[in-house]
Amino acid sequence: MAKVEVKQLLEAGVHFGHLTRKWNPNMAPYIYMERNGIHVINLYKTVAKLEESKEALKKIAASGRKILFVATKKQAKDIVAEKVANVNMPYITERWPGGMLTNFVTIRKAVKKMASIDRMKKDGTFNTLSKKERLQVDRLRAKLEKNLGSISDMTRLPGAIFIVDTMREHIAVKEAQKLNIPIFAMVDTNSDPRDVDYLIPSNDDASKSINIIMQEVTDAIAEGLSERKSEKQADKEGADDAKKAKKESKKLEPTPETVETKAPPVVAKTPKPEVNVEATKEAVAKETAADDLTKVEGIGPKAAEALVNAGIATYADLAKADPEKIKEILTEASSRMSHLDPTSWPKQAQMAADGKWEELKEWQDSVSGGVE
């Protein structure tokens, strides 16, 4: 994953902030100076935060979760639609539909309605309608396509949400916060960085600035998807090799006709080797490597890291953990995670530990962000 240079960001105008009178004081750590009444963003901090965000997005993409992109402002919508479509992720570039996340079940019904209209056109049912009814159905289909077409493949809540301009998309921010969905965002000097889990201090108004940040972000996601694909391929090849070896071993097994009735040879007993306790412990530690806790709805990369550091590294550990204790661990790790609600995490972890992935997915789809 190539690191972006400060010079590239400078040429794209990423450093230009808003007028000093419009600034948000919480952005002070990311502001380099003031010139001609305009704040200048510290691009060295932008690079650091961008790399941190790219690494987190790469992990989410590699885990198989979707990342929802939101950008409805004129100068960003076309860029976001083009870049995000290349990595097959959902995006909203028209009006944000209220309840898109908090009322996801209803949104999914609208998407299914769009799919049912498509089926009507394929099986010929559409042609049996009157001219007026066909016109009404076409209008409904066009409206749904415009607002929800890009999220038609999103069958569950996203693993993260990426926002261009948190001031404009404040409803999306509030919904993501309510459901504990990690928020990534381009944050300008007039926005509040406290609302965002992974911020990228940058100019969110200039198309060149948006373009370079989106390019870096989507490249990281593409790399994560590529890793996931190669892992799946390796697993498939490993399974094929195991099947082949099993077949070969069956061929080499002796049949009753080929077995000679001879007395077994006398083998001298050898002393049992001493058990290396440290080596055994190390082997056990490797076998109990940390699970991907982000597959539990409501756990983001930072929350997962805090749990692993506290000794809750596997689905089995999380299933036995007390929600109140989990809450203490998260709050102690970062005050920004104090709003997370871990009530359902042990229940989800138990399903994951038992390998009931389909049941877990159905449960997650039926509730709002892992909160019953």
Protein backbone atom coordinates (compact mmCIF):
# COMPACT_ATOMS: atom_id res chain seq x y z
CA MET A 1 0.00 0.00 0.00
CA ALA A 2 1.87 3.05 -1.30
CA LYS A 3 2.02 6.06 1.00
CA VAL A 4 0.72 9.34 -0.41
CA GLU A 5 3.20 12.23 -0.48
CA VAL A 6 2.57 15.64 1.12
CA LYS A 7 3.50 17.25 -2.20
CA GLN A 8 0.65 15.40 -3.96
CA LEU A 9 -1.87 16.61 -1.37
CA LEU A 10 -0.50 20.16 -1.63
CA GLU A 11 -0.94 20.18 -5.42
CA ALA A 12 -4.52 18.94 -5.04
CA GLY A 13 -5.39 21.74 -2.60
CA VAL A 14 -6.14 19.42 0.31
CA HIS A 15 -4.64 21.97 2.72
CA PHE A 16 -7.20 24.74 2.11
CA GLY A 17 -9.65 25.07 5.01
CA HIS A 18 -12.59 27.43 5.61
CA LEU A 19 -12.61 31.06 6.69
CA THR A 20 -11.21 31.52 10.20
CA ARG A 21 -14.56 32.86 11.48
CA LYS A 22 -16.26 29.59 10.44
CA TRP A 23 -13.83 27.24 12.14
CA ASN A 24 -14.62 24.59 14.75
CA PRO A 25 -12.20 24.96 17.71
CA ASN A 26 -11.95 21.16 18.03
CA MET A 27 -10.07 21.15 14.71
CA ALA A 28 -7.24 23.23 16.22
CA PRO A 29 -4.78 20.26 16.49
CA TYR A 30 -5.03 19.72 12.72
CA ILE A 31 -4.60 23.37 11.66
CA TYR A 32 -1.10 24.51 10.65
CA MET A 33 -1.61 28.27 10.34
CA GLU A 34 -3.92 31.06 9.21
CA ARG A 35 -3.31 32.97 5.99
CA ASN A 36 -5.43 35.72 4.41
CA GLY A 37 -8.33 34.88 6.74
CA ILE A 38 -8.30 31.17 5.80
CA HIS A 39 -7.11 28.28 7.91
CA VAL A 40 -4.43 26.01 6.44
CA ILE A 41 -4.59 22.30 7.34
CA ASN A 42 -1.43 20.52 8.53
CA LEU A 43 -0.82 18.05 5.69
CA TYR A 44 1.64 15.96 7.70
CA LYS A 45 -1.20 15.12 10.08
CA THR A 46 -3.46 14.51 7.09
CA VAL A 47 -1.00 11.92 5.74
CA ALA A 48 -0.78 10.18 9.14
CA LYS A 49 -4.56 10.07 9.58
CA LEU A 50 -5.10 8.97 5.97
CA GLU A 51 -2.70 6.02 6.42
CA GLU A 52 -4.48 5.02 9.65
CA SER A 53 -7.87 5.13 7.89
CA LYS A 54 -6.59 3.17 4.89
CA GLU A 55 -5.27 0.39 7.12
CA ALA A 56 -8.59 0.12 8.99
CA LEU A 57 -10.64 0.16 5.75
CA LYS A 58 -8.38 -2.50 4.26
CA LYS A 59 -9.05 -4.79 7.24
CA ILE A 60 -12.82 -4.26 7.02
CA ALA A 61 -12.81 -5.00 3.29
CA ALA A 62 -10.66 -8.11 3.84
CA SER A 63 -13.19 -9.36 6.43
CA GLY A 64 -15.93 -9.31 3.80
CA ARG A 65 -17.98 -6.46 5.26
CA LYS A 66 -19.37 -3.65 3.08
CA ILE A 67 -18.36 0.01 3.45
CA LEU A 68 -21.10 2.54 2.67
CA PHE A 69 -19.95 5.82 1.06
CA VAL A 70 -22.04 8.97 1.47
CA ALA A 71 -21.48 12.13 -0.61
CA THR A 72 -24.48 14.16 -1.80
CA LYS A 73 -22.75 17.49 -2.52
CA LYS A 74 -22.46 18.41 -6.20
CA GLN A 75 -18.65 18.44 -6.47
CA ALA A 76 -18.29 15.03 -4.76
CA LYS A 77 -21.16 12.83 -6.01
CA ASP A 78 -19.76 11.97 -9.47
CA ILE A 79 -16.24 11.31 -8.14
CA VAL A 80 -17.51 9.06 -5.33
CA ALA A 81 -19.86 7.15 -7.64
CA GLU A 82 -17.05 6.49 -10.13
CA LYS A 83 -14.35 5.49 -7.61
CA VAL A 84 -16.57 3.39 -5.36
CA ALA A 85 -18.22 1.50 -8.23
CA ASN A 86 -14.74 0.21 -9.16
CA VAL A 87 -14.47 -1.63 -5.82
CA ASN A 88 -18.11 -2.80 -5.81
CA MET A 89 -19.10 -0.98 -2.61
CA PRO A 90 -22.50 0.67 -1.92
CA TYR A 91 -22.84 4.45 -2.05
CA ILE A 92 -25.40 7.24 -1.60
CA THR A 93 -24.93 10.24 -3.90
CA GLU A 94 -28.51 11.52 -4.04
CA ARG A 95 -30.63 12.50 -1.04
CA TRP A 96 -29.88 10.55 2.15
CA PRO A 97 -33.02 8.47 2.80
CA GLY A 98 -33.99 9.04 6.44
CA GLY A 99 -33.71 5.81 8.42
CA MET A 100 -31.31 4.33 5.88
CA LEU A 101 -29.44 2.64 8.75
CA THR A 102 -31.77 2.84 11.78
CA ASN A 103 -34.75 1.58 9.75
CA PHE A 104 -32.77 -0.71 7.46
CA VAL A 105 -35.50 -3.38 7.30
CA THR A 106 -37.88 -0.92 5.59
CA ILE A 107 -35.17 0.20 3.18
CA ARG A 108 -34.56 -3.43 2.25
CA LYS A 109 -38.27 -3.79 1.48
CA ALA A 110 -37.99 -0.90 -1.00
CA VAL A 111 -34.99 -2.60 -2.64
CA LYS A 112 -36.96 -5.87 -2.87
CA LYS A 113 -39.82 -3.94 -4.48
CA MET A 114 -37.40 -2.76 -7.15
CA ALA A 115 -36.26 -6.36 -7.71
CA SER A 116 -39.89 -7.56 -7.99
CA ILE A 117 -40.56 -4.96 -10.71
CA ASP A 118 -37.55 -6.28 -12.63
CA ARG A 119 -38.94 -9.81 -12.31
CA MET A 120 -42.32 -8.61 -13.62
CA LYS A 121 -40.61 -7.27 -16.73
CA LYS A 122 -38.73 -10.53 -17.29
CA ASP A 123 -41.64 -12.95 -16.86
CA GLY A 124 -44.07 -10.88 -18.93
CA THR A 125 -46.41 -9.84 -16.06
CA PHE A 126 -45.56 -6.20 -16.73
CA ASN A 127 -47.07 -6.38 -20.24
CA THR A 128 -50.44 -7.52 -18.84
CA LEU A 129 -50.87 -4.20 -16.99
CA SER A 130 -52.74 -1.25 -18.43
CA LYS A 131 -50.82 1.61 -20.02
CA LYS A 132 -51.43 3.85 -17.01
CA GLU A 133 -50.29 1.17 -14.54
CA ARG A 134 -47.14 0.48 -16.57
CA LEU A 135 -46.32 4.19 -16.51
CA GLN A 136 -46.78 4.33 -12.71
CA VAL A 137 -44.59 1.24 -12.20
CA ASP A 138 -41.88 2.71 -14.47
CA ARG A 139 -41.89 5.95 -12.50
CA LEU A 140 -41.66 4.06 -9.20
CA ARG A 141 -38.80 1.95 -10.55
CA ALA A 142 -36.89 5.05 -11.74
CA LYS A 143 -37.34 6.75 -8.36
CA LEU A 144 -36.15 3.68 -6.44
CA GLU A 145 -33.19 3.25 -8.79
CA LYS A 146 -32.14 6.86 -8.32
CA ASN A 147 -32.27 6.74 -4.52
CA LEU A 148 -31.42 3.11 -3.73
CA GLY A 149 -29.90 1.57 -6.86
CA SER A 150 -26.35 1.71 -5.53
CA ILE A 151 -27.25 -0.17 -2.32
CA SER A 152 -29.28 -2.96 -3.95
CA ASP A 153 -26.51 -5.49 -3.13
CA MET A 154 -26.24 -4.42 0.52
CA THR A 155 -28.19 -7.15 2.32
CA ARG A 156 -27.08 -6.16 5.83
CA LEU A 157 -25.84 -3.14 7.75
CA PRO A 158 -22.41 -1.94 6.57
CA GLY A 159 -19.22 -2.65 8.48
CA ALA A 160 -18.30 1.05 8.24
CA ILE A 161 -19.49 4.30 6.68
CA PHE A 162 -17.31 6.83 4.81
CA ILE A 163 -18.62 10.42 4.64
CA VAL A 164 -17.56 13.43 2.60
CA ASP A 165 -18.53 16.54 4.64
CA THR A 166 -19.97 15.54 8.03
CA MET A 167 -21.73 18.92 8.35
CA ARG A 168 -23.88 18.23 5.29
CA GLU A 169 -24.40 14.53 6.10
CA HIS A 170 -25.16 15.05 9.81
CA ILE A 171 -28.17 12.69 9.71
CA ALA A 172 -25.99 9.85 8.39
CA VAL A 173 -23.48 10.58 11.19
CA LYS A 174 -26.19 10.40 13.87
CA GLU A 175 -27.62 7.14 12.52
CA ALA A 176 -24.16 5.51 12.35
CA GLN A 177 -23.40 6.65 15.92
CA LYS A 178 -26.68 5.20 17.17
CA LEU A 179 -25.84 1.80 15.66
CA ASN A 180 -22.14 1.85 16.68
CA ILE A 181 -21.00 1.72 13.05
CA PRO A 182 -17.41 3.05 12.63
CA ILE A 183 -17.37 6.43 10.86
CA PHE A 184 -14.62 7.44 8.43
CA ALA A 185 -14.79 10.96 7.03
CA MET A 186 -13.10 13.83 5.25
CA VAL A 187 -13.25 16.54 7.91
CA ASP A 188 -12.79 20.23 7.06
CA THR A 189 -11.93 23.02 9.52
CA ASN A 190 -15.62 23.89 10.04
CA SER A 191 -16.58 20.35 11.19
CA ASP A 192 -16.45 18.60 14.57
CA PRO A 193 -13.86 15.78 14.54
CA ARG A 194 -15.30 14.28 17.75
CA ASP A 195 -18.21 12.81 15.76
CA VAL A 196 -15.83 10.69 13.68
CA ASP A 197 -13.91 7.52 14.58
CA TYR A 198 -11.34 7.85 11.75
CA LEU A 199 -10.98 11.40 10.46
CA ILE A 200 -8.98 12.64 7.50
CA PRO A 201 -8.34 16.41 7.94
CA SER A 202 -8.82 17.74 4.42
CA ASN A 203 -10.58 20.14 2.10
CA ASP A 204 -14.00 18.57 1.46
CA ASP A 205 -15.17 21.22 -1.03
CA ALA A 206 -12.64 21.05 -3.90
CA SER A 207 -13.12 18.26 -6.44
CA LYS A 208 -9.33 17.72 -6.79
CA SER A 209 -8.99 17.24 -3.03
CA ILE A 210 -11.93 14.81 -2.91
CA ASN A 211 -10.57 12.92 -5.92
CA ILE A 212 -7.11 12.23 -4.44
CA ILE A 213 -8.47 11.18 -1.03
CA MET A 214 -11.09 8.90 -2.61
CA GLN A 215 -8.43 7.37 -4.88
CA GLU A 216 -6.24 6.51 -1.88
CA VAL A 217 -9.17 5.12 0.09
CA THR A 218 -10.55 2.95 -2.73
CA ASP A 219 -7.05 1.64 -3.52
CA ALA A 220 -6.77 0.45 0.09
CA ILE A 221 -10.19 -1.24 -0.13
CA ALA A 222 -9.23 -2.90 -3.42
CA GLU A 223 -6.09 -4.25 -1.74
CA GLY A 224 -8.18 -5.66 1.12
CA LEU A 225 -10.57 -7.33 -1.34
CA SER A 226 -7.62 -8.78 -3.24
CA GLU A 227 -6.21 -10.27 -0.02
CA ARG A 228 -9.61 -11.81 0.77
CA LYS A 229 -9.80 -13.32 -2.71
CA SER A 230 -6.30 -14.81 -2.49
CA GLU A 231 -7.08 -16.26 0.97
CA LYS A 232 -10.24 -17.90 -0.38
CA GLN A 233 -8.29 -19.30 -3.32
CA ALA A 234 -5.61 -20.68 -0.98
CA ASP A 235 -8.28 -22.28 1.23
CA LYS A 236 -9.92 -23.84 -1.82
CA GLU A 237 -6.61 -25.21 -3.09
CA GLY A 238 -5.83 -26.56 0.37
CA ALA A 239 -9.21 -28.33 0.51
CA ASP A 240 -8.64 -29.80 -2.98
CA ASP A 241 -5.17 -31.04 -1.97
CA ALA A 242 -6.61 -32.64 1.17
CA LYS A 243 -9.27 -34.47 -0.88
CA LYS A 244 -6.63 -35.65 -3.34
CA ALA A 245 -4.38 -36.92 -0.55
CA LYS A 246 -7.32 -38.74 1.03
CA LYS A 247 -8.09 -40.50 -2.26
CA GLU A 248 -4.43 -41.50 -2.70
CA SER A 249 -4.27 -42.89 0.84
CA LYS A 250 -7.39 -45.00 0.18
CA LYS A 251 -5.75 -46.48 -2.92
CA LEU A 252 -2.66 -47.44 -0.89
CA GLU A 253 -4.64 -49.11 1.91
CA PRO A 254 -3.94 -52.91 1.94
CA THR A 255 -6.81 -55.22 1.01
CA PRO A 256 -7.51 -58.46 2.93
CA GLU A 257 -6.02 -60.49 0.03
CA THR A 258 -2.70 -58.66 0.17
CA VAL A 259 -2.25 -58.84 3.93
CA GLU A 260 0.13 -61.68 4.97
CA THR A 261 -0.58 -63.46 8.22
CA LYS A 262 2.82 -63.01 9.78
CA ALA A 263 3.64 -62.44 13.37
CA PRO A 264 4.23 -58.79 14.12
CA PRO A 265 7.90 -57.88 14.35
CA VAL A 266 9.34 -57.24 17.77
CA VAL A 267 10.03 -53.56 18.19
CA ALA A 268 12.31 -52.36 20.94
CA LYS A 269 10.61 -49.91 23.27
CA THR A 270 12.09 -46.47 23.19
CA PRO A 271 11.88 -44.13 26.14
CA LYS A 272 9.18 -41.46 25.91
CA PRO A 273 10.57 -38.05 25.05
CA GLU A 274 10.38 -35.41 27.72
CA VAL A 275 7.52 -32.96 27.27
CA ASN A 276 8.68 -29.43 26.64
CA VAL A 277 6.13 -27.44 28.64
CA GLU A 278 7.11 -24.06 27.16
CA ALA A 279 6.86 -25.38 23.59
CA THR A 280 3.45 -26.87 24.38
CA LYS A 281 2.22 -23.56 25.79
CA GLU A 282 3.49 -21.75 22.71
CA ALA A 283 1.71 -24.23 20.41
CA VAL A 284 -1.54 -23.82 22.37
CA ALA A 285 -1.19 -20.03 22.15
CA LYS A 286 -0.83 -20.27 18.38
CA GLU A 287 -3.90 -22.49 18.12
CA THR A 288 -5.96 -20.00 20.11
CA ALA A 289 -5.12 -17.03 17.86
CA ALA A 290 -7.49 -14.07 18.02
CA ASP A 291 -10.73 -14.35 16.04
CA ASP A 292 -12.04 -11.52 13.84
CA LEU A 293 -14.31 -9.89 16.44
CA THR A 294 -15.46 -7.22 13.93
CA LYS A 295 -17.86 -9.84 12.52
CA VAL A 296 -19.95 -9.22 15.64
CA GLU A 297 -22.39 -6.40 14.83
CA GLY A 298 -21.40 -3.25 16.73
CA ILE A 299 -17.68 -4.03 17.13
CA GLY A 300 -15.37 -1.83 15.06
CA PRO A 301 -11.60 -2.24 14.56
CA LYS A 302 -10.71 -0.11 17.60
CA ALA A 303 -13.17 -1.89 19.89
CA ALA A 304 -11.86 -5.27 18.69
CA GLU A 305 -8.29 -4.18 19.45
CA ALA A 306 -9.27 -3.06 22.96
CA LEU A 307 -10.97 -6.40 23.67
CA VAL A 308 -7.99 -8.43 22.41
CA ASN A 309 -5.62 -6.35 24.56
CA ALA A 310 -7.86 -7.10 27.56
CA GLY A 311 -7.63 -10.85 26.94
CA ILE A 312 -10.95 -11.30 25.10
CA ALA A 313 -9.45 -12.55 21.85
CA THR A 314 -11.81 -15.27 20.61
CA TYR A 315 -15.54 -15.69 20.02
CA ALA A 316 -15.59 -18.17 22.94
CA ASP A 317 -13.99 -15.57 25.26
CA LEU A 318 -16.49 -12.92 24.20
CA ALA A 319 -19.44 -15.31 24.62
CA LYS A 320 -18.47 -15.82 28.30
CA ALA A 321 -17.74 -12.13 28.97
CA ASP A 322 -20.06 -9.95 31.04
CA PRO A 323 -21.46 -6.94 29.08
CA GLU A 324 -20.75 -4.62 32.02
CA LYS A 325 -17.11 -5.77 32.10
CA ILE A 326 -16.88 -5.25 28.30
CA LYS A 327 -18.28 -1.73 28.77
CA GLU A 328 -15.59 -0.97 31.37
CA ILE A 329 -12.83 -2.26 29.04
CA LEU A 330 -14.04 -0.09 26.13
CA THR A 331 -14.47 3.05 28.26
CA GLU A 332 -11.03 2.58 29.81
CA ALA A 333 -9.47 2.13 26.34
CA SER A 334 -11.09 5.27 24.92
CA SER A 335 -13.81 7.63 26.14
CA ARG A 336 -15.07 7.77 22.53
CA MET A 337 -16.18 4.13 22.82
CA SER A 338 -18.23 4.72 25.97
CA HIS A 339 -21.44 4.99 23.90
CA LEU A 340 -21.12 1.40 22.59
CA ASP A 341 -23.76 -1.06 23.79
CA PRO A 342 -22.24 -4.58 24.18
CA THR A 343 -25.42 -6.21 25.52
CA SER A 344 -25.87 -8.51 22.50
CA TRP A 345 -22.18 -9.18 21.80
CA PRO A 346 -21.92 -12.39 23.92
CA LYS A 347 -25.03 -13.78 22.19
CA GLN A 348 -23.60 -13.04 18.72
CA ALA A 349 -20.18 -14.39 19.74
CA GLN A 350 -21.74 -17.67 20.92
CA MET A 351 -23.36 -18.15 17.50
CA ALA A 352 -20.01 -17.39 15.83
CA ALA A 353 -18.17 -19.78 18.17
CA ASP A 354 -20.68 -22.52 17.32
CA GLY A 355 -20.17 -21.87 13.59
CA LYS A 356 -23.80 -20.77 13.12
CA TRP A 357 -22.93 -18.04 10.60
CA GLU A 358 -26.22 -18.15 8.69
CA GLU A 359 -28.19 -17.87 11.92
CA LEU A 360 -25.95 -14.99 13.05
CA LYS A 361 -26.45 -13.16 9.73
CA GLU A 362 -30.24 -13.57 9.93
CA TRP A 363 -30.26 -12.27 13.50
CA GLN A 364 -28.09 -9.28 12.59
CA ASP A 365 -30.36 -8.42 9.66
CA SER A 366 -33.46 -8.61 11.85
CA VAL A 367 -32.26 -6.09 14.47
CA SER A 368 -30.90 -2.56 14.31
CA GLY A 369 -27.11 -2.65 14.44
CA GLY A 370 -26.88 -5.53 16.87
CA VAL A 371 -29.22 -3.84 19.41
CA GLU A 372 -32.37 -5.80 20.22
